Amino acid sequence: MKNITENHIRGAKNLLINCADLKPGEKLLIVSEESDLGWYDGHCAEFIATEAKKMGIDQMLTKVGSPKNFRSTDLIELIKENTVTIFFSRIGDQERFSQPKAGTRIVMCYIRDMDMLSSPIGTTNYKAFRDFKNAVDNILFNAEKIEISCPLGSNLSGALPKQQKKASDNDDVRRFPLGVHEPIEAKTFSGQVALDRYLAPTGSRVYEPDFLKLNETVIAEIELGRITAFTGPKDEVKKVKEHYNLVANKFNIDPTVVHSWHAGIHPGGNYQVPESDDPDRWSNTVFSQPEYVHFHTCGDYAPGEISCTNHGHTIKVNGLALWNKGILFPNIFEDTKKCINTWPELKALFKQTQTKVS
């Protein structure tokens, strides 16, 4: 493999050590999606396998195809035989919601290629972002009121009930990079969300067509986590309703549910591939970037089956903007400010994004 830099090695160690907690003598399975499917380059998985071997880790790389709506029993058994499984494959997003065998760990990796691995989204200390996520979670889960808006007309507000405690993280299932806070359940949120550009899958199950292109904005009217109406241009509303019904009928689920939402918290991402090239891939790659807020809809379970993404959003917590026009401002709240000051790499990374917002 050519042109390996210190940042590539740093990214590999961040994944293997800081995230996966791998130690010499442990067994690692790397599940690599075929590169001709267009999601992963294949080289990154091979590089991680090589670096793991240098660390004294017993590693194995296996290749898989595109996701299906069933689990491979052979792969399930293989996962059970290894201490850690790292998915460079979309099927890891499906396995993410299952319980790994006691004493084993699963990592779903969203690093698509070697360039991403060596960029700040791959090299910034995973442990720092784990602390930062916990700080953001603490702010959101203890909020009296959360307001989400975007330039296209989104205006959604609510807060988690005081008696609802934050679900404990399943530390046996991890994401790399760690780019979002804990999804916030939407059943206490009301208002409206603007649907524009594309509706895309969530990665939970497979269906066709896997996205819907919107030529004009449609507004989803929401009451306590339920879509009560779609408003907007007649032809576009018709398309949206048909798409929701198609997916709901395929899986026998409730199309009106808005299950949850989350915004990106990792400013190290810089995915430049146009959304139109593959709306599914785009949506499932940029969700960790702070300029996007991601809504999970269609199905009363995480993460539902249809996602919509707003750009340039503002999220106010108790009247203060933690995200302002798509930029995350961690110094606004004491929890996140303390975390930023604890981790110099976070302070440097966020400093680059703190442009003035009028």
Protein backbone atom coordinates (compact mmCIF):
# COMPACT_ATOMS: atom_id res chain seq x y z
CA MET A 1 0.00 0.00 0.00
CA LYS A 2 1.49 3.33 -1.11
CA ASN A 3 1.65 6.80 0.46
CA ILE A 4 1.00 5.78 4.05
CA THR A 5 1.42 8.77 6.35
CA GLU A 6 1.66 9.28 10.09
CA ASN A 7 -1.96 10.43 10.04
CA HIS A 8 -3.06 7.12 8.51
CA ILE A 9 -1.31 5.26 11.34
CA ARG A 10 -2.76 7.68 13.87
CA GLY A 11 -6.25 7.07 12.51
CA ALA A 12 -5.74 3.31 12.64
CA LYS A 13 -4.62 3.43 16.27
CA ASN A 14 -7.53 5.69 17.11
CA LEU A 15 -9.91 3.05 15.77
CA LEU A 16 -8.10 -0.03 17.10
CA ILE A 17 -7.01 1.25 20.52
CA ASN A 18 -9.06 4.31 21.53
CA CYS A 19 -12.35 3.01 20.13
CA ALA A 20 -12.19 -0.80 19.98
CA ASP A 21 -9.93 -1.18 23.07
CA LEU A 22 -8.03 -3.98 21.34
CA LYS A 23 -5.09 -5.57 23.12
CA PRO A 24 -2.39 -8.00 22.00
CA GLY A 25 -3.68 -11.57 21.96
CA GLU A 26 -7.31 -10.61 21.30
CA LYS A 27 -9.08 -11.76 18.16
CA LEU A 28 -10.30 -9.26 15.59
CA LEU A 29 -12.73 -9.83 12.72
CA ILE A 30 -12.87 -7.15 10.02
CA VAL A 31 -15.94 -7.29 7.79
CA SER A 32 -15.19 -5.48 4.52
CA GLU A 33 -17.86 -4.59 1.96
CA GLU A 34 -16.96 -5.20 -1.68
CA SER A 35 -15.45 -1.97 -3.01
CA ASP A 36 -17.28 -2.12 -6.34
CA LEU A 37 -20.53 -1.37 -4.45
CA GLY A 38 -19.24 2.18 -4.04
CA TRP A 39 -19.46 2.68 -0.27
CA TYR A 40 -16.02 1.57 1.00
CA ASP A 41 -12.71 1.59 -0.86
CA GLY A 42 -11.52 -1.76 0.55
CA HIS A 43 -7.98 -0.42 1.09
CA CYS A 44 -8.86 1.04 4.48
CA ALA A 45 -10.06 -2.30 5.88
CA GLU A 46 -6.90 -3.99 4.59
CA PHE A 47 -4.74 -1.29 6.17
CA ILE A 48 -6.49 -1.68 9.53
CA ALA A 49 -5.91 -5.45 9.37
CA THR A 50 -2.19 -4.84 8.73
CA GLU A 51 -1.86 -2.39 11.60
CA ALA A 52 -3.71 -4.76 13.95
CA LYS A 53 -1.29 -7.54 13.05
CA LYS A 54 1.64 -5.25 13.94
CA MET A 55 0.03 -4.78 17.37
CA GLY A 56 0.04 -8.53 18.00
CA ILE A 57 -3.68 -8.92 17.42
CA ASP A 58 -4.97 -12.11 15.84
CA GLN A 59 -6.89 -10.64 12.91
CA MET A 60 -9.07 -11.98 10.10
CA LEU A 61 -10.61 -10.07 7.17
CA THR A 62 -13.72 -11.32 5.43
CA LYS A 63 -15.52 -9.72 2.47
CA VAL A 64 -19.28 -9.34 2.13
CA GLY A 65 -21.77 -8.00 -0.38
CA SER A 66 -24.59 -5.50 -0.02
CA PRO A 67 -27.03 -5.55 2.92
CA LYS A 68 -30.04 -7.89 2.88
CA ASN A 69 -33.11 -8.13 5.10
CA PHE A 70 -31.78 -11.25 6.77
CA ARG A 71 -28.66 -12.09 8.75
CA SER A 72 -25.97 -14.48 7.55
CA THR A 73 -25.82 -17.31 10.11
CA ASP A 74 -22.22 -18.03 9.11
CA LEU A 75 -21.23 -14.43 9.81
CA ILE A 76 -23.09 -14.40 13.12
CA GLU A 77 -21.13 -17.46 14.24
CA LEU A 78 -17.87 -15.87 13.07
CA ILE A 79 -18.61 -12.73 15.08
CA LYS A 80 -19.14 -14.85 18.20
CA GLU A 81 -15.67 -16.37 17.78
CA ASN A 82 -13.88 -13.00 17.90
CA THR A 83 -13.30 -10.48 20.68
CA VAL A 84 -13.98 -7.51 18.40
CA THR A 85 -15.71 -7.16 15.04
CA ILE A 86 -15.16 -4.00 13.00
CA PHE A 87 -17.61 -3.42 10.16
CA PHE A 88 -16.42 -1.58 7.07
CA SER A 89 -19.79 -2.59 5.71
CA ARG A 90 -23.37 -1.37 5.80
CA ILE A 91 -24.52 -4.61 7.38
CA GLY A 92 -22.87 -3.39 10.56
CA ASP A 93 -25.61 -0.81 10.84
CA GLN A 94 -28.07 -3.70 10.96
CA GLU A 95 -26.00 -5.70 13.45
CA ARG A 96 -25.65 -2.56 15.57
CA PHE A 97 -29.11 -3.15 17.01
CA SER A 98 -28.44 -6.71 18.12
CA GLN A 99 -26.76 -7.80 21.30
CA PRO A 100 -23.18 -9.03 20.89
CA LYS A 101 -22.06 -12.08 22.82
CA ALA A 102 -20.96 -11.24 26.37
CA GLY A 103 -17.34 -10.16 26.44
CA THR A 104 -17.23 -9.18 22.77
CA ARG A 105 -17.47 -5.79 21.07
CA ILE A 106 -18.80 -4.51 17.75
CA VAL A 107 -17.62 -1.35 16.00
CA MET A 108 -19.57 0.15 13.11
CA CYS A 109 -17.08 2.17 11.06
CA TYR A 110 -18.21 5.00 8.76
CA ILE A 111 -14.72 5.73 7.43
CA ARG A 112 -15.17 5.21 3.68
CA ASP A 113 -11.59 5.48 2.45
CA MET A 114 -7.97 6.15 3.36
CA ASP A 115 -8.38 9.92 3.00
CA MET A 116 -11.13 9.96 5.62
CA LEU A 117 -9.04 7.81 7.95
CA SER A 118 -6.16 10.31 7.85
CA SER A 119 -8.42 13.37 8.18
CA PRO A 120 -9.54 14.93 11.51
CA ILE A 121 -12.70 12.78 11.53
CA GLY A 122 -10.48 9.69 11.70
CA THR A 123 -7.58 10.97 13.78
CA THR A 124 -9.21 13.08 16.52
CA ASN A 125 -9.16 11.06 19.73
CA TYR A 126 -12.27 8.86 20.00
CA LYS A 127 -12.16 9.12 23.79
CA ALA A 128 -12.38 12.91 23.56
CA PHE A 129 -15.54 12.65 21.49
CA ARG A 130 -16.98 10.05 23.84
CA ASP A 131 -16.65 12.62 26.63
CA PHE A 132 -18.02 15.35 24.39
CA LYS A 133 -21.03 13.21 23.43
CA ASN A 134 -21.77 12.62 27.11
CA ALA A 135 -21.62 16.38 27.74
CA VAL A 136 -24.04 17.12 24.89
CA ASP A 137 -26.32 14.32 26.09
CA ASN A 138 -26.41 15.83 29.56
CA ILE A 139 -27.47 19.21 28.15
CA LEU A 140 -30.20 17.79 25.92
CA PHE A 141 -31.63 15.28 28.37
CA ASN A 142 -31.94 17.89 31.10
CA ALA A 143 -33.37 20.64 28.90
CA GLU A 144 -36.61 22.37 29.82
CA LYS A 145 -37.23 23.16 26.15
CA ILE A 146 -35.52 22.30 22.85
CA GLU A 147 -36.34 24.20 19.66
CA ILE A 148 -35.22 23.05 16.19
CA SER A 149 -35.50 25.30 13.16
CA CYS A 150 -34.04 25.56 9.67
CA PRO A 151 -34.15 28.11 6.81
CA LEU A 152 -36.68 26.00 4.85
CA GLY A 153 -39.36 26.13 7.55
CA SER A 154 -38.65 23.48 10.16
CA ASN A 155 -39.96 24.56 13.55
CA LEU A 156 -40.13 21.71 16.05
CA SER A 157 -40.04 21.95 19.83
CA GLY A 158 -40.32 19.78 22.90
CA ALA A 159 -38.27 18.17 25.65
CA LEU A 160 -37.92 14.78 27.24
CA PRO A 161 -40.22 14.19 30.23
CA LYS A 162 -38.44 14.72 33.54
CA GLN A 163 -39.18 11.16 34.60
CA GLN A 164 -37.60 9.72 31.46
CA LYS A 165 -34.00 8.86 32.23
CA LYS A 166 -31.32 8.69 29.57
CA ALA A 167 -30.97 5.15 28.30
CA SER A 168 -27.60 3.72 29.27
CA ASP A 169 -25.24 3.34 26.34
CA ASN A 170 -24.48 -0.16 25.14
CA ASP A 171 -20.71 0.05 25.34
CA ASP A 172 -20.37 -3.29 23.55
CA VAL A 173 -21.64 -1.65 20.34
CA ARG A 174 -19.68 1.40 19.21
CA ARG A 175 -19.51 3.79 16.27
CA PHE A 176 -16.38 5.19 14.68
CA PRO A 177 -16.19 8.09 14.40
CA LEU A 178 -18.45 8.97 17.29
CA GLY A 179 -20.32 11.74 15.53
CA VAL A 180 -23.76 12.17 17.10
CA HIS A 181 -25.29 12.62 20.51
CA GLU A 182 -27.80 10.10 21.87
CA PRO A 183 -30.88 10.21 19.62
CA ILE A 184 -33.67 12.21 21.25
CA GLU A 185 -37.06 10.51 21.23
CA ALA A 186 -39.59 12.67 19.40
CA LYS A 187 -42.84 11.59 21.04
CA THR A 188 -43.02 14.82 23.05
CA PHE A 189 -42.11 17.07 20.09
CA SER A 190 -44.58 19.04 17.99
CA GLY A 191 -44.39 21.50 15.12
CA GLN A 192 -43.20 20.95 11.59
CA VAL A 193 -40.19 19.59 9.69
CA ALA A 194 -39.21 20.62 6.17
CA LEU A 195 -38.62 17.72 3.79
CA ASP A 196 -36.41 18.72 0.87
CA ARG A 197 -33.91 17.31 -1.65
CA TYR A 198 -34.18 13.62 -0.80
CA LEU A 199 -35.76 11.17 1.61
CA ALA A 200 -33.31 8.34 2.28
CA PRO A 201 -33.17 5.00 4.13
CA THR A 202 -31.82 4.83 7.68
CA GLY A 203 -29.68 1.73 7.13
CA SER A 204 -32.00 -0.46 9.17
CA ARG A 205 -33.55 -2.47 6.31
CA VAL A 206 -33.34 -2.66 2.54
CA TYR A 207 -36.08 -1.51 0.18
CA GLU A 208 -36.57 -0.18 -3.35
CA PRO A 209 -36.67 2.55 -4.42
CA ASP A 210 -34.23 3.41 -1.66
CA PHE A 211 -34.73 7.17 -1.90
CA LEU A 212 -37.24 9.77 -3.03
CA LYS A 213 -36.15 12.90 -4.88
CA LEU A 214 -38.11 16.04 -4.00
CA ASN A 215 -38.19 18.93 -6.46
CA GLU A 216 -39.88 21.28 -3.98
CA THR A 217 -40.11 21.44 -0.19
CA VAL A 218 -42.86 19.52 1.59
CA ILE A 219 -43.76 20.27 5.22
CA ALA A 220 -44.46 17.41 7.63
CA GLU A 221 -46.87 18.61 10.32
CA ILE A 222 -46.05 16.85 13.60
CA GLU A 223 -48.03 16.46 16.81
CA LEU A 224 -46.36 14.66 19.73
CA GLY A 225 -44.10 12.60 17.50
CA ARG A 226 -46.72 11.76 14.88
CA ILE A 227 -47.01 13.09 11.35
CA THR A 228 -50.54 14.44 11.06
CA ALA A 229 -50.30 15.87 7.53
CA PHE A 230 -48.01 16.70 4.63
CA THR A 231 -48.46 20.14 3.09
CA GLY A 232 -46.94 21.75 0.05
CA PRO A 233 -47.11 21.40 -3.75
CA LYS A 234 -49.79 18.85 -4.60
CA ASP A 235 -47.61 16.59 -6.79
CA GLU A 236 -44.76 16.56 -4.27
CA VAL A 237 -47.10 15.75 -1.36
CA LYS A 238 -48.54 12.88 -3.39
CA LYS A 239 -45.05 11.47 -3.99
CA VAL A 240 -44.15 11.72 -0.29
CA LYS A 241 -47.35 9.98 0.83
CA GLU A 242 -46.86 7.17 -1.70
CA HIS A 243 -43.25 6.65 -0.59
CA TYR A 244 -44.17 6.48 3.10
CA ASN A 245 -47.02 4.06 2.40
CA LEU A 246 -44.81 1.87 0.20
CA VAL A 247 -42.19 1.46 2.95
CA ALA A 248 -44.77 1.09 5.72
CA ASN A 249 -46.69 -1.59 3.83
CA LYS A 250 -43.52 -3.52 3.02
CA PHE A 251 -42.58 -3.88 6.70
CA ASN A 252 -46.05 -3.56 8.29
CA ILE A 253 -45.08 -0.48 10.29
CA ASP A 254 -46.71 2.85 11.19
CA PRO A 255 -45.76 5.52 8.63
CA THR A 256 -46.82 8.41 10.86
CA VAL A 257 -44.20 7.89 13.59
CA VAL A 258 -41.31 10.30 14.03
CA HIS A 259 -39.18 8.14 16.28
CA SER A 260 -36.22 10.38 17.11
CA TRP A 261 -33.72 12.96 15.91
CA HIS A 262 -30.05 13.80 16.32
CA ALA A 263 -27.61 16.41 15.08
CA GLY A 264 -23.95 15.96 14.18
CA ILE A 265 -21.28 16.77 16.77
CA HIS A 266 -18.02 16.06 14.88
CA PRO A 267 -16.65 19.07 12.93
CA GLY A 268 -13.82 16.95 11.50
CA GLY A 269 -16.00 15.62 8.68
CA ASN A 270 -15.77 17.07 5.19
CA TYR A 271 -17.56 14.69 2.85
CA GLN A 272 -17.56 16.33 -0.58
CA VAL A 273 -19.23 13.70 -2.79
CA PRO A 274 -22.46 15.23 -4.19
CA GLU A 275 -25.68 14.08 -2.58
CA SER A 276 -27.14 13.33 -6.01
CA ASP A 277 -24.47 10.67 -6.70
CA ASP A 278 -26.08 8.40 -4.10
CA PRO A 279 -28.54 10.02 -1.64
CA ASP A 280 -28.46 6.93 0.60
CA ARG A 281 -24.66 6.92 0.89
CA TRP A 282 -24.57 10.70 1.34
CA SER A 283 -27.17 10.70 4.13
CA ASN A 284 -25.44 7.85 5.96
CA THR A 285 -22.05 9.57 5.75
CA VAL A 286 -22.69 13.27 6.55
CA PHE A 287 -24.97 12.71 9.56
CA SER A 288 -22.04 13.21 11.96
CA GLN A 289 -21.30 16.72 10.62
CA PRO A 290 -22.71 19.53 12.81
CA GLU A 291 -24.36 21.32 9.88
CA TYR A 292 -26.96 18.55 9.59
CA VAL A 293 -29.84 17.44 11.81
CA HIS A 294 -31.27 14.03 11.02
CA PHE A 295 -34.86 12.87 11.66
CA HIS A 296 -35.81 9.17 11.94
CA THR A 297 -39.33 8.48 10.70
CA CYS A 298 -41.66 5.66 9.59
CA GLY A 299 -41.63 2.97 12.27
CA ASP A 300 -41.94 2.98 16.04
CA TYR A 301 -38.38 1.73 16.66
CA ALA A 302 -34.81 2.98 16.27
CA PRO A 303 -34.04 4.30 13.76
CA GLY A 304 -37.23 3.86 11.74
CA GLU A 305 -36.96 3.39 7.97
CA ILE A 306 -37.06 6.84 6.34
CA SER A 307 -34.72 9.67 7.21
CA CYS A 308 -34.85 13.34 6.31
CA THR A 309 -31.99 15.76 6.79
CA ASN A 310 -32.07 19.51 7.42
CA HIS A 311 -29.06 21.70 6.65
CA GLY A 312 -28.03 24.88 8.42
CA HIS A 313 -30.31 24.26 11.39
CA THR A 314 -30.45 26.09 14.69
CA ILE A 315 -31.09 24.13 17.88
CA LYS A 316 -31.85 26.16 20.99
CA VAL A 317 -31.72 24.63 24.45
CA ASN A 318 -33.58 26.70 27.04
CA GLY A 319 -33.36 29.62 24.62
CA LEU A 320 -29.61 29.35 23.95
CA ALA A 321 -28.34 28.18 20.56
CA LEU A 322 -26.04 25.18 20.92
CA TRP A 323 -26.16 24.81 17.12
CA ASN A 324 -26.53 28.10 15.24
CA LYS A 325 -27.06 27.98 11.46
CA GLY A 326 -25.37 24.61 11.29
CA ILE A 327 -22.36 25.49 13.46
CA LEU A 328 -21.91 23.87 16.86
CA PHE A 329 -20.88 26.28 19.64
CA PRO A 330 -19.68 24.20 22.62
CA ASN A 331 -18.65 27.19 24.74
CA ILE A 332 -22.29 28.23 25.17
CA PHE A 333 -22.90 25.59 27.88
CA GLU A 334 -20.74 24.77 30.86
CA ASP A 335 -20.77 20.97 30.30
CA THR A 336 -19.43 21.17 26.75
CA LYS A 337 -17.10 24.10 27.52
CA LYS A 338 -15.46 22.10 30.30
CA CYS A 339 -15.02 19.13 27.98
CA ILE A 340 -13.45 21.29 25.25
CA ASN A 341 -10.99 22.75 27.73
CA THR A 342 -10.09 19.27 28.98
CA TRP A 343 -9.15 17.95 25.51
CA PRO A 344 -6.72 20.23 23.59
CA GLU A 345 -7.48 18.40 20.32
CA LEU A 346 -11.16 19.28 20.66
CA LYS A 347 -10.35 22.89 21.45
CA ALA A 348 -8.20 23.14 18.32
CA LEU A 349 -10.76 21.38 16.12
CA PHE A 350 -13.72 23.50 17.22
CA LYS A 351 -11.69 26.70 16.99
CA GLN A 352 -11.47 26.16 13.24
CA THR A 353 -15.27 26.15 12.93
CA GLN A 354 -16.10 29.07 15.22
CA THR A 355 -16.75 31.63 12.49
CA LYS A 356 -18.98 34.55 13.39
CA VAL A 357 -22.69 33.92 12.87
CA SER A 358 -24.75 37.01 12.31
